[in-house]
């Protein structure tokens, strides 16, 4: 990543976190935490990795559906916040499984003891 894509990724993550949680009306799955943002070299796509505390399959699918429903609104609100770039990248949201995997390993280690 060049410095400009790293800066853009950092800026998107900082500005996007409150927007995502404000725009999503379904609060049954709790707070959505953005863990990482990766921007492509041509700055046309931004992949946003997110986690939620409840990792049940039904809750994850509801969260994904809620995010997809308001993705266009989230991108518009992000464009209002970030004005120093020509084009806001398309947003791709992906669930970050690292936290769930870490919890699974932790549970396995506890059962061994």
Protein backbone atom coordinates (compact mmCIF):
# COMPACT_ATOMS: atom_id res chain seq x y z
CA UNK A 1 0.00 0.00 0.00
CA UNK A 2 1.23 3.44 -0.75
CA UNK A 3 0.97 6.12 1.87
CA UNK A 4 -2.09 7.64 0.23
CA UNK A 5 -4.08 4.40 0.36
CA UNK A 6 -3.02 3.84 3.98
CA UNK A 7 -4.11 7.34 4.91
CA UNK A 8 -7.39 6.92 3.09
CA UNK A 9 -8.03 3.58 4.81
CA UNK A 10 -7.35 5.15 8.21
CA UNK A 11 -9.56 8.13 7.43
CA UNK A 12 -12.40 5.92 6.20
CA UNK A 13 -12.23 3.75 9.32
CA UNK A 14 -12.27 6.77 11.63
CA UNK A 15 -15.16 8.50 9.87
CA UNK A 16 -17.18 5.38 9.06
CA UNK A 17 -17.51 3.86 12.56
CA UNK A 18 -20.05 6.37 13.90
CA UNK A 19 -21.89 6.54 10.57
CA UNK A 20 -22.45 2.78 10.41
CA UNK A 21 -23.84 2.55 13.93
CA UNK A 22 -26.01 5.63 13.44
CA UNK A 23 -27.56 4.52 10.13
CA UNK A 24 -28.43 0.96 11.12
CA UNK A 25 -31.81 0.98 12.80
CA UNK A 26 -31.82 -2.66 13.95
CA UNK A 27 -29.96 -2.61 17.27
CA UNK A 28 -30.76 -6.21 18.23
CA UNK A 29 -27.21 -7.36 17.43
CA UNK A 30 -25.56 -4.50 19.28
CA UNK A 31 -22.65 -2.31 18.30
CA UNK A 32 -20.78 -2.93 15.06
CA UNK A 33 -17.04 -2.55 15.48
CA UNK A 34 -14.95 -1.81 12.40
CA UNK A 35 -11.67 -3.69 12.76
CA UNK A 36 -9.86 -2.90 9.53
CA UNK A 37 -10.23 -1.07 6.23
CA UNK A 38 -8.29 -2.02 3.12
CA UNK A 39 -8.34 0.22 0.06
CA UNK A 40 -7.29 -1.01 -3.38
CA UNK A 41 -4.36 0.70 -5.10
CA UNK A 42 -6.62 2.45 -7.57
CA UNK A 43 -8.82 3.60 -4.65
CA UNK A 44 -11.99 2.28 -6.28
CA UNK A 45 -12.90 -0.24 -3.56
CA UNK A 46 -12.66 -0.20 0.22
CA UNK A 47 -13.11 -3.48 2.06
CA UNK A 48 -14.39 -2.87 5.56
CA UNK A 49 -13.99 -5.68 8.09
CA UNK A 50 -16.41 -5.62 11.01
CA UNK A 51 -17.23 -7.64 14.11
CA UNK A 52 -20.16 -7.90 16.48
CA UNK A 53 -20.13 -9.46 19.92
CA UNK A 54 -22.72 -12.14 19.21
CA UNK A 55 -21.34 -14.63 16.67
CA UNK A 56 -24.45 -16.78 16.20
CA UNK A 57 -25.28 -17.49 12.58
CA UNK A 58 -28.75 -15.89 12.68
CA UNK A 59 -27.46 -12.70 14.30
CA UNK A 60 -24.59 -12.46 11.80
CA UNK A 61 -26.98 -12.79 8.86
CA UNK A 62 -29.28 -10.10 10.28
CA UNK A 63 -26.29 -7.78 10.76
CA UNK A 64 -25.07 -8.40 7.22
CA UNK A 65 -28.55 -7.78 5.81
CA UNK A 66 -28.88 -4.54 7.82
CA UNK A 67 -25.51 -3.30 6.57
CA UNK A 68 -26.32 -4.14 2.95
CA UNK A 69 -29.66 -2.30 3.16
CA UNK A 70 -28.04 0.98 4.21
CA UNK A 71 -24.75 0.69 2.31
CA UNK A 72 -25.66 3.43 -0.19
CA UNK A 73 -26.67 5.80 2.61
CA UNK A 74 -23.46 5.03 4.49
CA UNK A 75 -21.42 5.84 1.38
CA UNK A 76 -23.29 9.15 0.93
CA UNK A 77 -22.69 10.13 4.55
CA UNK A 78 -19.02 9.20 4.18
CA UNK A 79 -18.78 11.44 1.12
CA UNK A 80 -20.09 14.35 3.20
CA UNK A 81 -17.35 13.77 5.79
CA UNK A 82 -14.43 13.19 3.40
CA UNK A 83 -14.22 15.99 0.87
CA UNK A 84 -10.54 15.95 -0.11
CA UNK A 85 -10.75 13.00 -2.53
CA UNK A 86 -12.35 12.98 -5.93
CA UNK A 87 -14.34 9.74 -5.69
CA UNK A 88 -15.46 7.82 -2.64
CA UNK A 89 -14.57 4.13 -3.09
CA UNK A 90 -17.27 1.48 -3.35
CA UNK A 91 -17.73 -0.09 0.08
CA UNK A 92 -17.52 -3.85 0.55
CA UNK A 93 -18.40 -5.08 4.05
CA UNK A 94 -17.00 -8.40 5.28
CA UNK A 95 -17.38 -10.06 8.65
CA UNK A 96 -14.00 -10.36 10.40
CA UNK A 97 -13.82 -13.91 11.70
CA UNK A 98 -10.58 -13.37 13.65
CA UNK A 99 -12.38 -12.53 16.91
CA UNK A 100 -14.68 -15.55 16.68
CA UNK A 101 -11.72 -17.78 15.85
CA UNK A 102 -9.77 -16.39 18.82
CA UNK A 103 -12.72 -17.08 21.13
CA UNK A 104 -12.95 -20.61 19.78
CA UNK A 105 -9.25 -21.25 20.46
CA UNK A 106 -9.65 -19.75 23.94
CA UNK A 107 -12.52 -22.13 24.69
CA UNK A 108 -10.46 -25.08 23.46
CA UNK A 109 -7.56 -24.09 25.70
CA UNK A 110 -9.88 -23.78 28.70
CA UNK A 111 -11.27 -27.28 28.13
CA UNK A 112 -7.75 -28.70 27.97
CA UNK A 113 -6.92 -27.29 31.40
